[in-house]
């Protein structure tokens, strides 16, 4: 499984209309790109545990995790026009963005992932 992980922090000045447009773009990607096997979007959960969250040097309020069955499917997503539109809107709307792709395996194959 390939995980496309995007962490982002919206600009403090982001208007309600701009936020709504970002949500619409994200929904269009999730609904309109068939190579996405699974999508999860969420807000950071703060547990207020000493020595846990304070260890993070950056605060990213939101995460979008899209899963693909293969690298071919991830590439199809990245090449899709709806992804280009979402990417442009995200970078206009966000104060900070991180996007990474991971080739993930199950726990039974953990040693493979960490070699």
PDB file of N, CA and C in Angstrom:
ATOM      1  N   UNK A   1       0.836  -1.164   0.000  1.00  0.00           N
ATOM      2  CA  UNK A   1       0.000   0.000   0.000  1.00  0.00           C
ATOM      3  C   UNK A   1       0.888   1.236   0.000  1.00  0.00           C
ATOM      4  N   UNK A   2       0.514   2.209  -0.792  1.00  0.00           N
ATOM      5  CA  UNK A   2       1.215   3.486  -0.847  1.00  0.00           C
ATOM      6  C   UNK A   2       0.361   4.507  -0.103  1.00  0.00           C
ATOM      7  N   UNK A   3       0.976   5.208   0.850  1.00  0.00           N
ATOM      8  CA  UNK A   3       0.283   6.258   1.601  1.00  0.00           C
ATOM      9  C   UNK A   3       0.816   7.613   1.159  1.00  0.00           C
ATOM     10  N   UNK A   4      -0.079   8.467   0.724  1.00  0.00           N
ATOM     11  CA  UNK A   4       0.238   9.854   0.368  1.00  0.00           C
ATOM     12  C   UNK A   4      -0.229  10.678   1.559  1.00  0.00           C
ATOM     13  N   UNK A   5       0.721  11.229   2.309  1.00  0.00           N
ATOM     14  CA  UNK A   5       0.422  11.922   3.564  1.00  0.00           C
ATOM     15  C   UNK A   5       0.686  13.413   3.376  1.00  0.00           C
ATOM     16  N   UNK A   6      -0.339  14.213   3.609  1.00  0.00           N
ATOM     17  CA  UNK A   6      -0.219  15.663   3.493  1.00  0.00           C
ATOM     18  C   UNK A   6      -0.592  16.276   4.840  1.00  0.00           C
ATOM     19  N   UNK A   7       0.356  16.999   5.427  1.00  0.00           N
ATOM     20  CA  UNK A   7       0.113  17.745   6.655  1.00  0.00           C
ATOM     21  C   UNK A   7       0.063  19.215   6.277  1.00  0.00           C
ATOM     22  N   UNK A   8      -0.914  19.951   6.835  1.00  0.00           N
ATOM     23  CA  UNK A   8      -0.993  21.361   6.481  1.00  0.00           C
ATOM     24  C   UNK A   8      -1.595  22.199   7.595  1.00  0.00           C
ATOM     25  N   UNK A   9      -1.238  23.482   7.534  1.00  0.00           N
ATOM     26  CA  UNK A   9      -1.736  24.473   8.469  1.00  0.00           C
ATOM     27  C   UNK A   9      -2.302  25.622   7.639  1.00  0.00           C
ATOM     28  N   UNK A  10      -3.613  25.845   7.698  1.00  0.00           N
ATOM     29  CA  UNK A  10      -4.202  26.947   6.923  1.00  0.00           C
ATOM     30  C   UNK A  10      -3.661  28.301   7.387  1.00  0.00           C
ATOM     31  N   UNK A  11      -3.649  29.251   6.479  1.00  0.00           N
ATOM     32  CA  UNK A  11      -3.263  30.616   6.825  1.00  0.00           C
ATOM     33  C   UNK A  11      -4.272  31.168   7.831  1.00  0.00           C
ATOM     34  N   UNK A  12      -3.823  31.890   8.826  1.00  0.00           N
ATOM     35  CA  UNK A  12      -4.754  32.493   9.789  1.00  0.00           C
ATOM     36  C   UNK A  12      -5.756  33.433   9.121  1.00  0.00           C
ATOM     37  N   UNK A  13      -5.356  34.037   8.012  1.00  0.00           N
ATOM     38  CA  UNK A  13      -6.228  34.989   7.310  1.00  0.00           C
ATOM     39  C   UNK A  13      -7.199  34.326   6.339  1.00  0.00           C
ATOM     40  N   UNK A  14      -7.206  33.012   6.270  1.00  0.00           N
ATOM     41  CA  UNK A  14      -8.061  32.304   5.315  1.00  0.00           C
ATOM     42  C   UNK A  14      -9.533  32.614   5.599  1.00  0.00           C
ATOM     43  N   UNK A  15     -10.219  33.106   4.592  1.00  0.00           N
ATOM     44  CA  UNK A  15     -11.636  33.454   4.761  1.00  0.00           C
ATOM     45  C   UNK A  15     -12.502  32.201   4.754  1.00  0.00           C
ATOM     46  N   UNK A  16     -13.726  32.367   5.193  1.00  0.00           N
ATOM     47  CA  UNK A  16     -14.689  31.259   5.182  1.00  0.00           C
ATOM     48  C   UNK A  16     -14.886  30.749   3.745  1.00  0.00           C
ATOM     49  N   UNK A  17     -14.955  31.663   2.783  1.00  0.00           N
ATOM     50  CA  UNK A  17     -15.159  31.287   1.384  1.00  0.00           C
ATOM     51  C   UNK A  17     -13.958  30.512   0.840  1.00  0.00           C
ATOM     52  N   UNK A  18     -12.756  30.957   1.199  1.00  0.00           N
ATOM     53  CA  UNK A  18     -11.542  30.263   0.757  1.00  0.00           C
ATOM     54  C   UNK A  18     -11.451  28.867   1.378  1.00  0.00           C
ATOM     55  N   UNK A  19     -11.813  28.755   2.638  1.00  0.00           N
ATOM     56  CA  UNK A  19     -11.824  27.448   3.311  1.00  0.00           C
ATOM     57  C   UNK A  19     -12.838  26.523   2.640  1.00  0.00           C
ATOM     58  N   UNK A  20     -14.013  27.057   2.325  1.00  0.00           N
ATOM     59  CA  UNK A  20     -15.054  26.258   1.657  1.00  0.00           C
ATOM     60  C   UNK A  20     -14.584  25.797   0.281  1.00  0.00           C
ATOM     61  N   UNK A  21     -13.871  26.653  -0.442  1.00  0.00           N
ATOM     62  CA  UNK A  21     -13.357  26.278  -1.764  1.00  0.00           C
ATOM     63  C   UNK A  21     -12.306  25.178  -1.647  1.00  0.00           C
ATOM     64  N   UNK A  22     -11.463  25.240  -0.609  1.00  0.00           N
ATOM     65  CA  UNK A  22     -10.468  24.189  -0.381  1.00  0.00           C
ATOM     66  C   UNK A  22     -11.163  22.861  -0.084  1.00  0.00           C
ATOM     67  N   UNK A  23     -12.177  22.896   0.743  1.00  0.00           N
ATOM     68  CA  UNK A  23     -12.924  21.676   1.075  1.00  0.00           C
ATOM     69  C   UNK A  23     -13.578  21.103  -0.179  1.00  0.00           C
ATOM     70  N   UNK A  24     -14.162  21.971  -1.005  1.00  0.00           N
ATOM     71  CA  UNK A  24     -14.796  21.510  -2.247  1.00  0.00           C
ATOM     72  C   UNK A  24     -13.768  20.853  -3.164  1.00  0.00           C
ATOM     73  N   UNK A  25     -12.587  21.458  -3.307  1.00  0.00           N
ATOM     74  CA  UNK A  25     -11.536  20.874  -4.147  1.00  0.00           C
ATOM     75  C   UNK A  25     -11.109  19.506  -3.627  1.00  0.00           C
ATOM     76  N   UNK A  26     -10.965  19.402  -2.316  1.00  0.00           N
ATOM     77  CA  UNK A  26     -10.574  18.127  -1.724  1.00  0.00           C
ATOM     78  C   UNK A  26     -11.655  17.075  -1.953  1.00  0.00           C
ATOM     79  N   UNK A  27     -12.917  17.463  -1.794  1.00  0.00           N
ATOM     80  CA  UNK A  27     -14.019  16.519  -2.018  1.00  0.00           C
ATOM     81  C   UNK A  27     -14.054  16.058  -3.470  1.00  0.00           C
ATOM     82  N   UNK A  28     -13.797  16.972  -4.411  1.00  0.00           N
ATOM     83  CA  UNK A  28     -13.776  16.610  -5.834  1.00  0.00           C
ATOM     84  C   UNK A  28     -12.669  15.607  -6.130  1.00  0.00           C
ATOM     85  N   UNK A  29     -11.524  15.765  -5.482  1.00  0.00           N
ATOM     86  CA  UNK A  29     -10.423  14.819  -5.671  1.00  0.00           C
ATOM     87  C   UNK A  29     -10.811  13.446  -5.130  1.00  0.00           C
ATOM     88  N   UNK A  30     -11.316  13.416  -3.905  1.00  0.00           N
ATOM     89  CA  UNK A  30     -11.671  12.138  -3.277  1.00  0.00           C
ATOM     90  C   UNK A  30     -12.771  11.429  -4.066  1.00  0.00           C
ATOM     91  N   UNK A  31     -13.763  12.183  -4.537  1.00  0.00           N
ATOM     92  CA  UNK A  31     -14.887  11.583  -5.274  1.00  0.00           C
ATOM     93  C   UNK A  31     -14.562  11.302  -6.733  1.00  0.00           C
ATOM     94  N   UNK A  32     -13.616  12.065  -7.315  1.00  0.00           N
ATOM     95  CA  UNK A  32     -13.444  12.013  -8.757  1.00  0.00           C
ATOM     96  C   UNK A  32     -12.214  11.312  -9.291  1.00  0.00           C
ATOM     97  N   UNK A  33     -11.314  10.892  -8.409  1.00  0.00           N
ATOM     98  CA  UNK A  33     -10.110  10.212  -8.899  1.00  0.00           C
ATOM     99  C   UNK A  33     -10.182   8.746  -8.479  1.00  0.00           C
ATOM    100  N   UNK A  34     -10.447   7.865  -9.443  1.00  0.00           N
ATOM    101  CA  UNK A  34     -10.701   6.465  -9.105  1.00  0.00           C
ATOM    102  C   UNK A  34      -9.491   5.693  -8.569  1.00  0.00           C
ATOM    103  N   UNK A  35      -8.290   6.195  -8.756  1.00  0.00           N
ATOM    104  CA  UNK A  35      -7.126   5.443  -8.277  1.00  0.00           C
ATOM    105  C   UNK A  35      -6.938   5.545  -6.763  1.00  0.00           C
ATOM    106  N   UNK A  36      -7.693   6.408  -6.098  1.00  0.00           N
ATOM    107  CA  UNK A  36      -7.618   6.504  -4.635  1.00  0.00           C
ATOM    108  C   UNK A  36      -8.376   5.322  -4.035  1.00  0.00           C
ATOM    109  N   UNK A  37      -7.656   4.492  -3.286  1.00  0.00           N
ATOM    110  CA  UNK A  37      -8.286   3.328  -2.659  1.00  0.00           C
ATOM    111  C   UNK A  37      -9.008   3.705  -1.366  1.00  0.00           C
ATOM    112  N   UNK A  38      -8.436   4.668  -0.634  1.00  0.00           N
ATOM    113  CA  UNK A  38      -9.028   5.084   0.641  1.00  0.00           C
ATOM    114  C   UNK A  38      -8.536   6.484   0.972  1.00  0.00           C
ATOM    115  N   UNK A  39      -9.405   7.278   1.580  1.00  0.00           N
ATOM    116  CA  UNK A  39      -9.040   8.639   1.966  1.00  0.00           C
ATOM    117  C   UNK A  39      -9.489   8.906   3.390  1.00  0.00           C
ATOM    118  N   UNK A  40      -8.600   9.540   4.159  1.00  0.00           N
ATOM    119  CA  UNK A  40      -8.911   9.962   5.526  1.00  0.00           C
ATOM    120  C   UNK A  40      -8.412  11.391   5.688  1.00  0.00           C
ATOM    121  N   UNK A  41      -9.259  12.225   6.244  1.00  0.00           N
ATOM    122  CA  UNK A  41      -8.889  13.605   6.488  1.00  0.00           C
ATOM    123  C   UNK A  41      -9.235  13.900   7.945  1.00  0.00           C
ATOM    124  N   UNK A  42      -8.352  14.617   8.642  1.00  0.00           N
ATOM    125  CA  UNK A  42      -8.664  14.902  10.037  1.00  0.00           C
ATOM    126  C   UNK A  42      -7.899  16.068  10.604  1.00  0.00           C
ATOM    127  N   UNK A  43      -8.363  16.503  11.746  1.00  0.00           N
ATOM    128  CA  UNK A  43      -7.736  17.583  12.501  1.00  0.00           C
ATOM    129  C   UNK A  43      -6.877  16.963  13.588  1.00  0.00           C
ATOM    130  N   UNK A  44      -5.760  17.602  13.877  1.00  0.00           N
ATOM    131  CA  UNK A  44      -4.829  17.102  14.885  1.00  0.00           C
ATOM    132  C   UNK A  44      -5.517  17.009  16.246  1.00  0.00           C
ATOM    133  N   UNK A  45      -5.304  15.898  16.889  1.00  0.00           N
ATOM    134  CA  UNK A  45      -5.828  15.645  18.227  1.00  0.00           C
ATOM    135  C   UNK A  45      -4.740  16.008  19.229  1.00  0.00           C
ATOM    136  N   UNK A  46      -5.021  16.958  20.082  1.00  0.00           N
ATOM    137  CA  UNK A  46      -4.062  17.372  21.102  1.00  0.00           C
ATOM    138  C   UNK A  46      -4.427  16.724  22.431  1.00  0.00           C
ATOM    139  N   UNK A  47      -3.495  15.963  22.986  1.00  0.00           N
ATOM    140  CA  UNK A  47      -3.724  15.231  24.224  1.00  0.00           C
ATOM    141  C   UNK A  47      -3.168  15.941  25.457  1.00  0.00           C
ATOM    142  N   UNK A  48      -2.397  16.998  25.224  1.00  0.00           N
ATOM    143  CA  UNK A  48      -1.796  17.770  26.321  1.00  0.00           C
ATOM    144  C   UNK A  48      -0.995  16.891  27.279  1.00  0.00           C
ATOM    145  N   UNK A  49      -0.209  16.005  26.703  1.00  0.00           N
ATOM    146  CA  UNK A  49       0.673  15.135  27.498  1.00  0.00           C
ATOM    147  C   UNK A  49       2.054  15.758  27.544  1.00  0.00           C
ATOM    148  N   UNK A  50       2.581  15.972  28.723  1.00  0.00           N
ATOM    149  CA  UNK A  50       3.936  16.541  28.842  1.00  0.00           C
ATOM    150  C   UNK A  50       4.962  15.663  28.120  1.00  0.00           C
ATOM    151  N   UNK A  51       5.845  16.317  27.361  1.00  0.00           N
ATOM    152  CA  UNK A  51       6.899  15.583  26.673  1.00  0.00           C
ATOM    153  C   UNK A  51       6.438  14.820  25.454  1.00  0.00           C
ATOM    154  N   UNK A  52       5.226  15.046  25.001  1.00  0.00           N
ATOM    155  CA  UNK A  52       4.734  14.355  23.813  1.00  0.00           C
ATOM    156  C   UNK A  52       4.562  15.372  22.682  1.00  0.00           C
ATOM    157  N   UNK A  53       3.506  16.141  22.703  1.00  0.00           N
ATOM    158  CA  UNK A  53       3.267  17.120  21.650  1.00  0.00           C
ATOM    159  C   UNK A  53       4.318  18.223  21.638  1.00  0.00           C
ATOM    160  N   UNK A  54       4.875  18.529  22.783  1.00  0.00           N
ATOM    161  CA  UNK A  54       5.878  19.590  22.854  1.00  0.00           C
ATOM    162  C   UNK A  54       7.174  19.210  22.133  1.00  0.00           C
ATOM    163  N   UNK A  55       7.357  17.938  21.825  1.00  0.00           N
ATOM    164  CA  UNK A  55       8.551  17.495  21.102  1.00  0.00           C
ATOM    165  C   UNK A  55       8.489  17.825  19.607  1.00  0.00           C
ATOM    166  N   UNK A  56       7.312  18.152  19.115  1.00  0.00           N
ATOM    167  CA  UNK A  56       7.150  18.464  17.703  1.00  0.00           C
ATOM    168  C   UNK A  56       7.580  19.907  17.455  1.00  0.00           C
ATOM    169  N   UNK A  57       8.470  20.095  16.491  1.00  0.00           N
ATOM    170  CA  UNK A  57       8.976  21.443  16.221  1.00  0.00           C
ATOM    171  C   UNK A  57       7.992  22.281  15.408  1.00  0.00           C
ATOM    172  N   UNK A  58       7.055  21.648  14.734  1.00  0.00           N
ATOM    173  CA  UNK A  58       6.060  22.343  13.925  1.00  0.00           C
ATOM    174  C   UNK A  58       4.672  21.838  14.292  1.00  0.00           C
ATOM    175  N   UNK A  59       3.693  22.695  14.123  1.00  0.00           N
ATOM    176  CA  UNK A  59       2.301  22.309  14.363  1.00  0.00           C
ATOM    177  C   UNK A  59       1.554  22.319  13.032  1.00  0.00           C
ATOM    178  N   UNK A  60       1.100  21.171  12.623  1.00  0.00           N
ATOM    179  CA  UNK A  60       0.269  21.041  11.429  1.00  0.00           C
ATOM    180  C   UNK A  60      -1.116  20.638  11.906  1.00  0.00           C
ATOM    181  N   UNK A  61      -2.080  21.508  11.678  1.00  0.00           N
ATOM    182  CA  UNK A  61      -3.425  21.328  12.236  1.00  0.00           C
ATOM    183  C   UNK A  61      -4.210  20.202  11.567  1.00  0.00           C
ATOM    184  N   UNK A  62      -3.949  19.957  10.289  1.00  0.00           N
ATOM    185  CA  UNK A  62      -4.728  18.977   9.534  1.00  0.00           C
ATOM    186  C   UNK A  62      -3.831  17.953   8.838  1.00  0.00           C
ATOM    187  N   UNK A  63      -4.407  16.777   8.602  1.00  0.00           N
ATOM    188  CA  UNK A  63      -3.747  15.732   7.819  1.00  0.00           C
ATOM    189  C   UNK A  63      -4.733  15.173   6.805  1.00  0.00           C
ATOM    190  N   UNK A  64      -4.229  14.910   5.625  1.00  0.00           N
ATOM    191  CA  UNK A  64      -4.979  14.170   4.609  1.00  0.00           C
ATOM    192  C   UNK A  64      -4.119  12.962   4.261  1.00  0.00           C
ATOM    193  N   UNK A  65      -4.699  11.776   4.392  1.00  0.00           N
ATOM    194  CA  UNK A  65      -3.973  10.545   4.091  1.00  0.00           C
ATOM    195  C   UNK A  65      -4.748   9.805   3.006  1.00  0.00           C
ATOM    196  N   UNK A  66      -4.125   9.712   1.846  1.00  0.00           N
ATOM    197  CA  UNK A  66      -4.738   9.010   0.717  1.00  0.00           C
ATOM    198  C   UNK A  66      -3.946   7.736   0.484  1.00  0.00           C
ATOM    199  N   UNK A  67      -4.659   6.645   0.286  1.00  0.00           N
ATOM    200  CA  UNK A  67      -4.007   5.353   0.089  1.00  0.00           C
ATOM    201  C   UNK A  67      -4.238   4.859  -1.330  1.00  0.00           C
ATOM    202  N   UNK A  68      -3.203   4.207  -1.863  1.00  0.00           N
ATOM    203  CA  UNK A  68      -3.220   3.680  -3.221  1.00  0.00           C
ATOM    204  C   UNK A  68      -2.703   2.248  -3.191  1.00  0.00           C
ATOM    205  N   UNK A  69      -3.195   1.431  -4.092  1.00  0.00           N
ATOM    206  CA  UNK A  69      -2.755   0.041  -4.107  1.00  0.00           C
ATOM    207  C   UNK A  69      -1.399  -0.137  -4.785  1.00  0.00           C
ATOM    208  N   UNK A  70      -0.984   0.861  -5.573  1.00  0.00           N
ATOM    209  CA  UNK A  70       0.297   0.733  -6.277  1.00  0.00           C
ATOM    210  C   UNK A  70       0.870   2.109  -6.583  1.00  0.00           C
ATOM    211  N   UNK A  71       2.141   2.112  -6.942  1.00  0.00           N
ATOM    212  CA  UNK A  71       2.787   3.345  -7.364  1.00  0.00           C
ATOM    213  C   UNK A  71       2.149   3.878  -8.649  1.00  0.00           C
ATOM    214  N   UNK A  72       1.711   2.980  -9.510  1.00  0.00           N
ATOM    215  CA  UNK A  72       1.029   3.385 -10.747  1.00  0.00           C
ATOM    216  C   UNK A  72      -0.225   4.188 -10.406  1.00  0.00           C
ATOM    217  N   UNK A  73      -0.982   3.726  -9.413  1.00  0.00           N
ATOM    218  CA  UNK A  73      -2.194   4.437  -9.004  1.00  0.00           C
ATOM    219  C   UNK A  73      -1.865   5.800  -8.396  1.00  0.00           C
ATOM    220  N   UNK A  74      -0.799   5.871  -7.607  1.00  0.00           N
ATOM    221  CA  UNK A  74      -0.372   7.156  -7.044  1.00  0.00           C
ATOM    222  C   UNK A  74       0.006   8.118  -8.167  1.00  0.00           C
ATOM    223  N   UNK A  75       0.745   7.638  -9.141  1.00  0.00           N
ATOM    224  CA  UNK A  75       1.153   8.498 -10.253  1.00  0.00           C
ATOM    225  C   UNK A  75      -0.063   8.977 -11.053  1.00  0.00           C
ATOM    226  N   UNK A  76      -1.056   8.109 -11.220  1.00  0.00           N
ATOM    227  CA  UNK A  76      -2.289   8.513 -11.917  1.00  0.00           C
ATOM    228  C   UNK A  76      -2.992   9.635 -11.152  1.00  0.00           C
ATOM    229  N   UNK A  77      -3.012   9.520  -9.841  1.00  0.00           N
ATOM    230  CA  UNK A  77      -3.587  10.573  -8.995  1.00  0.00           C
ATOM    231  C   UNK A  77      -2.812  11.877  -9.154  1.00  0.00           C
ATOM    232  N   UNK A  78      -1.486  11.811  -9.070  1.00  0.00           N
ATOM    233  CA  UNK A  78      -0.662  13.008  -9.160  1.00  0.00           C
ATOM    234  C   UNK A  78      -0.778  13.694 -10.520  1.00  0.00           C
ATOM    235  N   UNK A  79      -1.041  12.918 -11.573  1.00  0.00           N
ATOM    236  CA  UNK A  79      -1.169  13.468 -12.920  1.00  0.00           C
ATOM    237  C   UNK A  79      -2.579  13.940 -13.247  1.00  0.00           C
ATOM    238  N   UNK A  80      -3.536  13.661 -12.396  1.00  0.00           N
ATOM    239  CA  UNK A  80      -4.939  14.016 -12.650  1.00  0.00           C
ATOM    240  C   UNK A  80      -5.135  15.530 -12.541  1.00  0.00           C
ATOM    241  N   UNK A  81      -5.897  16.140 -13.452  1.00  0.00           N
ATOM    242  CA  UNK A  81      -6.138  17.590 -13.387  1.00  0.00           C
ATOM    243  C   UNK A  81      -6.770  18.053 -12.065  1.00  0.00           C
ATOM    244  N   UNK A  82      -7.600  17.236 -11.458  1.00  0.00           N
ATOM    245  CA  UNK A  82      -8.218  17.625 -10.180  1.00  0.00           C
ATOM    246  C   UNK A  82      -7.159  17.740  -9.080  1.00  0.00           C
ATOM    247  N   UNK A  83      -6.117  16.904  -9.135  1.00  0.00           N
ATOM    248  CA  UNK A  83      -5.035  17.004  -8.159  1.00  0.00           C
ATOM    249  C   UNK A  83      -4.266  18.308  -8.365  1.00  0.00           C
ATOM    250  N   UNK A  84      -4.030  18.681  -9.605  1.00  0.00           N
ATOM    251  CA  UNK A  84      -3.334  19.941  -9.884  1.00  0.00           C
ATOM    252  C   UNK A  84      -4.113  21.119  -9.320  1.00  0.00           C
ATOM    253  N   UNK A  85      -5.423  21.104  -9.507  1.00  0.00           N
ATOM    254  CA  UNK A  85      -6.271  22.180  -8.976  1.00  0.00           C
ATOM    255  C   UNK A  85      -6.220  22.216  -7.454  1.00  0.00           C
ATOM    256  N   UNK A  86      -6.319  21.052  -6.815  1.00  0.00           N
ATOM    257  CA  UNK A  86      -6.259  20.981  -5.360  1.00  0.00           C
ATOM    258  C   UNK A  86      -4.901  21.463  -4.848  1.00  0.00           C
ATOM    259  N   UNK A  87      -3.832  21.028  -5.479  1.00  0.00           N
ATOM    260  CA  UNK A  87      -2.498  21.434  -5.047  1.00  0.00           C
ATOM    261  C   UNK A  87      -2.325  22.946  -5.100  1.00  0.00           C
ATOM    262  N   UNK A  88      -2.782  23.561  -6.181  1.00  0.00           N
ATOM    263  CA  UNK A  88      -2.669  25.015  -6.298  1.00  0.00           C
ATOM    264  C   UNK A  88      -3.470  25.707  -5.196  1.00  0.00           C
ATOM    265  N   UNK A  89      -4.685  25.229  -4.963  1.00  0.00           N
ATOM    266  CA  UNK A  89      -5.533  25.834  -3.933  1.00  0.00           C
ATOM    267  C   UNK A  89      -4.931  25.619  -2.542  1.00  0.00           C
ATOM    268  N   UNK A  90      -4.397  24.431  -2.289  1.00  0.00           N
ATOM    269  CA  UNK A  90      -3.813  24.152  -0.980  1.00  0.00           C
ATOM    270  C   UNK A  90      -2.633  25.076  -0.702  1.00  0.00           C
ATOM    271  N   UNK A  91      -1.735  25.232  -1.673  1.00  0.00           N
ATOM    272  CA  UNK A  91      -0.571  26.075  -1.447  1.00  0.00           C
ATOM    273  C   UNK A  91      -0.940  27.559  -1.348  1.00  0.00           C
ATOM    274  N   UNK A  92      -2.060  27.959  -1.943  1.00  0.00           N
ATOM    275  CA  UNK A  92      -2.550  29.331  -1.771  1.00  0.00           C
ATOM    276  C   UNK A  92      -3.187  29.523  -0.399  1.00  0.00           C
ATOM    277  N   UNK A  93      -3.758  28.463   0.145  1.00  0.00           N
ATOM    278  CA  UNK A  93      -4.537  28.536   1.388  1.00  0.00           C
ATOM    279  C   UNK A  93      -3.732  28.244   2.643  1.00  0.00           C
ATOM    280  N   UNK A  94      -2.578  27.626   2.494  1.00  0.00           N
ATOM    281  CA  UNK A  94      -1.849  27.126   3.658  1.00  0.00           C
ATOM    282  C   UNK A  94      -0.642  27.988   4.011  1.00  0.00           C
ATOM    283  N   UNK A  95      -0.417  28.116   5.309  1.00  0.00           N
ATOM    284  CA  UNK A  95       0.798  28.760   5.805  1.00  0.00           C
ATOM    285  C   UNK A  95       1.965  27.789   5.724  1.00  0.00           C
ATOM    286  N   UNK A  96       1.686  26.484   5.822  1.00  0.00           N
ATOM    287  CA  UNK A  96       2.730  25.454   5.755  1.00  0.00           C
ATOM    288  C   UNK A  96       2.117  24.152   5.255  1.00  0.00           C
ATOM    289  N   UNK A  97       2.878  23.440   4.437  1.00  0.00           N
ATOM    290  CA  UNK A  97       2.431  22.154   3.875  1.00  0.00           C
ATOM    291  C   UNK A  97       3.615  21.200   3.835  1.00  0.00           C
ATOM    292  N   UNK A  98       3.369  19.957   4.199  1.00  0.00           N
ATOM    293  CA  UNK A  98       4.312  18.863   3.987  1.00  0.00           C
ATOM    294  C   UNK A  98       3.566  17.769   3.230  1.00  0.00           C
ATOM    295  N   UNK A  99       4.185  17.197   2.213  1.00  0.00           N
ATOM    296  CA  UNK A  99       3.579  16.088   1.481  1.00  0.00           C
ATOM    297  C   UNK A  99       4.647  15.029   1.251  1.00  0.00           C
ATOM    298  N   UNK A 100       4.335  13.813   1.685  1.00  0.00           N
ATOM    299  CA  UNK A 100       5.270  12.695   1.542  1.00  0.00           C
ATOM    300  C   UNK A 100       4.512  11.452   1.097  1.00  0.00           C
ATOM    301  N   UNK A 101       5.227  10.575   0.394  1.00  0.00           N
ATOM    302  CA  UNK A 101       4.668   9.299  -0.036  1.00  0.00           C
ATOM    303  C   UNK A 101       5.455   8.176   0.619  1.00  0.00           C
ATOM    304  N   UNK A 102       4.726   7.168   1.120  1.00  0.00           N
ATOM    305  CA  UNK A 102       5.339   6.053   1.834  1.00  0.00           C
ATOM    306  C   UNK A 102       4.875   4.733   1.250  1.00  0.00           C
ATOM    307  N   UNK A 103       5.823   3.823   1.050  1.00  0.00           N
ATOM    308  CA  UNK A 103       5.524   2.453   0.642  1.00  0.00           C
ATOM    309  C   UNK A 103       5.372   1.661   1.939  1.00  0.00           C
ATOM    310  N   UNK A 104       4.142   1.351   2.308  1.00  0.00           N
ATOM    311  CA  UNK A 104       3.844   0.765   3.621  1.00  0.00           C
ATOM    312  C   UNK A 104       3.601  -0.740   3.526  1.00  0.00           C
ATOM    313  N   UNK A 105       3.979  -1.424   4.583  1.00  0.00           N
ATOM    314  CA  UNK A 105       3.731  -2.861   4.705  1.00  0.00           C
ATOM    315  C   UNK A 105       3.048  -3.114   6.044  1.00  0.00           C
ATOM    316  N   UNK A 106       2.451  -4.275   6.183  1.00  0.00           N
ATOM    317  CA  UNK A 106       1.821  -4.650   7.441  1.00  0.00           C
ATOM    318  C   UNK A 106       2.853  -5.007   8.501  1.00  0.00           C
ATOM    319  N   UNK A 107       2.389  -5.132   9.726  1.00  0.00           N
ATOM    320  CA  UNK A 107       3.272  -5.407  10.860  1.00  0.00           C
ATOM    321  C   UNK A 107       4.048  -6.713  10.687  1.00  0.00           C
ATOM    322  N   UNK A 108       3.490  -7.683   9.992  1.00  0.00           N
ATOM    323  CA  UNK A 108       4.171  -8.957   9.787  1.00  0.00           C
ATOM    324  C   UNK A 108       5.425  -8.795   8.939  1.00  0.00           C
ATOM    325  N   UNK A 109       5.508  -7.709   8.193  1.00  0.00           N
ATOM    326  CA  UNK A 109       6.659  -7.448   7.321  1.00  0.00           C
ATOM    327  C   UNK A 109       7.451  -6.240   7.781  1.00  0.00           C
ATOM    328  N   UNK A 110       7.395  -5.946   9.068  1.00  0.00           N
ATOM    329  CA  UNK A 110       8.016  -4.751   9.625  1.00  0.00           C
ATOM    330  C   UNK A 110       9.509  -4.667   9.316  1.00  0.00           C
ATOM    331  N   UNK A 111      10.223  -5.763   9.381  1.00  0.00           N
ATOM    332  CA  UNK A 111      11.665  -5.738   9.143  1.00  0.00           C
ATOM    333  C   UNK A 111      11.968  -5.265   7.706  1.00  0.00           C
ATOM    334  N   UNK A 112      11.102  -5.588   6.749  1.00  0.00           N
ATOM    335  CA  UNK A 112      11.301  -5.130   5.363  1.00  0.00           C
ATOM    336  C   UNK A 112      11.222  -3.607   5.270  1.00  0.00           C
ATOM    337  N   UNK A 113      10.297  -3.027   6.005  1.00  0.00           N
ATOM    338  CA  UNK A 113      10.073  -1.582   5.925  1.00  0.00           C
ATOM    339  C   UNK A 113      11.217  -0.798   6.520  1.00  0.00           C
ATOM    340  N   UNK A 114      11.890  -1.357   7.493  1.00  0.00           N
ATOM    341  CA  UNK A 114      12.929  -0.626   8.201  1.00  0.00           C
ATOM    342  C   UNK A 114      14.352  -0.981   7.758  1.00  0.00           C
ATOM    343  N   UNK A 115      14.486  -1.727   6.693  1.00  0.00           N
ATOM    344  CA  UNK A 115      15.821  -2.082   6.184  1.00  0.00           C
ATOM    345  C   UNK A 115      16.327  -1.051   5.221  1.00  0.00           C
TER     346      UNK A 115
END
